Amino acid sequence: MTTTTVGGWSAWGPVTPEEKKIFTEATHGLVGVIYTPQLVSTQLVAGTNYRFKCQASLVSPAIGQWEAIVQIYQPLKGAPHITHITPV
């Protein structure tokens, strides 16, 4: 995991296996678009916010690919969930 200061976002860094697990849990059930995390930035709050820089593509690859930021919140207790997806 990258170094994080409370309230501030960390620098972008490689996705660890633990962060990949959080991403997979939060995005489980999404249909139509495939998001592949490339980098991650974190923010410590009452839990942890994650910004995953992803390669995104429609299930039909003929449509093309783009980058997106998938923001996920991991509360202190409970399951992580998506809070926002922004095409870049």
C-alpha atoms as a PDB file:
ATOM      1  CA  MET A   1       0.000   0.000   0.000  1.00  0.00           C
ATOM      2  CA  THR A   2       1.242   3.494  -0.787  1.00  0.00           C
ATOM      3  CA  THR A   3       1.999   5.994   1.997  1.00  0.00           C
ATOM      4  CA  THR A   4      -1.084   8.015   2.943  1.00  0.00           C
ATOM      5  CA  THR A   5      -1.548  11.037   5.177  1.00  0.00           C
ATOM      6  CA  VAL A   6      -4.837  11.502   7.015  1.00  0.00           C
ATOM      7  CA  GLY A   7      -7.191  13.576   4.854  1.00  0.00           C
ATOM      8  CA  GLY A   8      -4.794  13.880   1.900  1.00  0.00           C
ATOM      9  CA  TRP A   9      -4.509  11.713  -1.186  1.00  0.00           C
ATOM     10  CA  SER A  10      -1.402   9.598  -1.632  1.00  0.00           C
ATOM     11  CA  ALA A  11       0.627   9.646  -4.830  1.00  0.00           C
ATOM     12  CA  TRP A  12      -0.477   7.194  -7.532  1.00  0.00           C
ATOM     13  CA  GLY A  13       1.183   3.806  -7.134  1.00  0.00           C
ATOM     14  CA  PRO A  14       0.878   0.163  -8.148  1.00  0.00           C
ATOM     15  CA  VAL A  15      -2.181  -1.787  -7.025  1.00  0.00           C
ATOM     16  CA  THR A  16      -1.394  -4.267  -4.242  1.00  0.00           C
ATOM     17  CA  PRO A  17      -3.142  -7.646  -3.943  1.00  0.00           C
ATOM     18  CA  GLU A  18      -5.152  -6.306  -0.964  1.00  0.00           C
ATOM     19  CA  GLU A  19      -6.288  -3.249  -2.960  1.00  0.00           C
ATOM     20  CA  LYS A  20      -7.174  -5.501  -5.924  1.00  0.00           C
ATOM     21  CA  LYS A  21      -9.372  -7.558  -3.581  1.00  0.00           C
ATOM     22  CA  ILE A  22     -11.189  -4.384  -2.420  1.00  0.00           C
ATOM     23  CA  PHE A  23     -11.632  -3.291  -6.056  1.00  0.00           C
ATOM     24  CA  THR A  24     -13.004  -6.698  -7.065  1.00  0.00           C
ATOM     25  CA  GLU A  25     -15.444  -6.800  -4.150  1.00  0.00           C
ATOM     26  CA  ALA A  26     -16.744  -3.283  -4.812  1.00  0.00           C
ATOM     27  CA  THR A  27     -17.143  -3.767  -8.578  1.00  0.00           C
ATOM     28  CA  HIS A  28     -18.700  -7.238  -8.371  1.00  0.00           C
ATOM     29  CA  GLY A  29     -21.927  -7.245 -10.334  1.00  0.00           C
ATOM     30  CA  LEU A  30     -21.109  -4.351 -12.684  1.00  0.00           C
ATOM     31  CA  VAL A  31     -22.177  -5.226 -16.219  1.00  0.00           C
ATOM     32  CA  GLY A  32     -21.442  -3.755 -19.623  1.00  0.00           C
ATOM     33  CA  VAL A  33     -18.037  -2.209 -18.879  1.00  0.00           C
ATOM     34  CA  ILE A  34     -14.861  -3.985 -17.818  1.00  0.00           C
ATOM     35  CA  TYR A  35     -12.615  -1.925 -15.513  1.00  0.00           C
ATOM     36  CA  THR A  36      -8.990  -3.021 -15.099  1.00  0.00           C
ATOM     37  CA  PRO A  37      -7.140  -1.120 -12.335  1.00  0.00           C
ATOM     38  CA  GLN A  38      -3.699   0.181 -13.324  1.00  0.00           C
ATOM     39  CA  LEU A  39      -2.790   2.549 -10.444  1.00  0.00           C
ATOM     40  CA  VAL A  40      -4.257   3.497  -7.061  1.00  0.00           C
ATOM     41  CA  SER A  41      -4.276   6.516  -4.754  1.00  0.00           C
ATOM     42  CA  THR A  42      -5.683   6.402  -1.210  1.00  0.00           C
ATOM     43  CA  GLN A  43      -7.112   8.837   1.325  1.00  0.00           C
ATOM     44  CA  LEU A  44      -7.551   8.011   5.015  1.00  0.00           C
ATOM     45  CA  VAL A  45     -10.853   9.237   6.427  1.00  0.00           C
ATOM     46  CA  ALA A  46     -13.285   7.348   8.691  1.00  0.00           C
ATOM     47  CA  GLY A  47     -12.310   4.356   6.574  1.00  0.00           C
ATOM     48  CA  THR A  48     -10.364   4.630   3.329  1.00  0.00           C
ATOM     49  CA  ASN A  49     -11.184   6.215  -0.019  1.00  0.00           C
ATOM     50  CA  TYR A  50      -9.544   4.616  -3.045  1.00  0.00           C
ATOM     51  CA  ARG A  51      -9.115   6.167  -6.491  1.00  0.00           C
ATOM     52  CA  PHE A  52      -8.303   3.485  -9.038  1.00  0.00           C
ATOM     53  CA  LYS A  53      -7.014   4.681 -12.415  1.00  0.00           C
ATOM     54  CA  CYS A  54      -8.442   2.045 -14.750  1.00  0.00           C
ATOM     55  CA  GLN A  55      -8.442   0.942 -18.344  1.00  0.00           C
ATOM     56  CA  ALA A  56     -12.120   0.654 -19.262  1.00  0.00           C
ATOM     57  CA  SER A  57     -13.739  -1.120 -22.184  1.00  0.00           C
ATOM     58  CA  LEU A  58     -17.176  -2.242 -23.177  1.00  0.00           C
ATOM     59  CA  VAL A  59     -17.826  -5.944 -23.120  1.00  0.00           C
ATOM     60  CA  SER A  60     -17.728  -5.682 -26.930  1.00  0.00           C
ATOM     61  CA  PRO A  61     -14.093  -4.643 -27.606  1.00  0.00           C
ATOM     62  CA  ALA A  62     -15.012  -3.275 -31.045  1.00  0.00           C
ATOM     63  CA  ILE A  63     -16.352  -0.127 -29.340  1.00  0.00           C
ATOM     64  CA  GLY A  64     -12.962   0.932 -27.976  1.00  0.00           C
ATOM     65  CA  GLN A  65     -11.204   1.644 -24.715  1.00  0.00           C
ATOM     66  CA  TRP A  66     -10.787   4.666 -22.455  1.00  0.00           C
ATOM     67  CA  GLU A  67      -9.418   5.544 -19.033  1.00  0.00           C
ATOM     68  CA  ALA A  68     -11.624   6.033 -15.998  1.00  0.00           C
ATOM     69  CA  ILE A  69     -11.207   6.804 -12.315  1.00  0.00           C
ATOM     70  CA  VAL A  70     -13.217   4.422 -10.141  1.00  0.00           C
ATOM     71  CA  GLN A  71     -13.604   5.801  -6.629  1.00  0.00           C
ATOM     72  CA  ILE A  72     -14.364   3.304  -3.862  1.00  0.00           C
ATOM     73  CA  TYR A  73     -15.037   3.812  -0.168  1.00  0.00           C
ATOM     74  CA  GLN A  74     -13.998   1.108   2.323  1.00  0.00           C
ATOM     75  CA  PRO A  75     -15.701   1.852   5.661  1.00  0.00           C
ATOM     76  CA  LEU A  76     -14.108   0.776   8.934  1.00  0.00           C
ATOM     77  CA  LYS A  77     -16.816  -1.907   9.168  1.00  0.00           C
ATOM     78  CA  GLY A  78     -18.690  -3.313   6.209  1.00  0.00           C
ATOM     79  CA  ALA A  79     -18.201  -3.880   2.513  1.00  0.00           C
ATOM     80  CA  PRO A  80     -16.439  -1.494   0.110  1.00  0.00           C
ATOM     81  CA  HIS A  81     -18.648   0.239  -2.457  1.00  0.00           C
ATOM     82  CA  ILE A  82     -18.277   2.467  -5.493  1.00  0.00           C
ATOM     83  CA  THR A  83     -18.901   6.149  -4.848  1.00  0.00           C
ATOM     84  CA  HIS A  84     -18.101   7.539  -8.299  1.00  0.00           C
ATOM     85  CA  ILE A  85     -16.866   6.583 -11.769  1.00  0.00           C
ATOM     86  CA  THR A  86     -15.351   9.339 -13.924  1.00  0.00           C
ATOM     87  CA  PRO A  87     -14.266   8.861 -17.544  1.00  0.00           C
ATOM     88  CA  VAL A  88     -10.904  10.538 -18.161  1.00  0.00           C
END
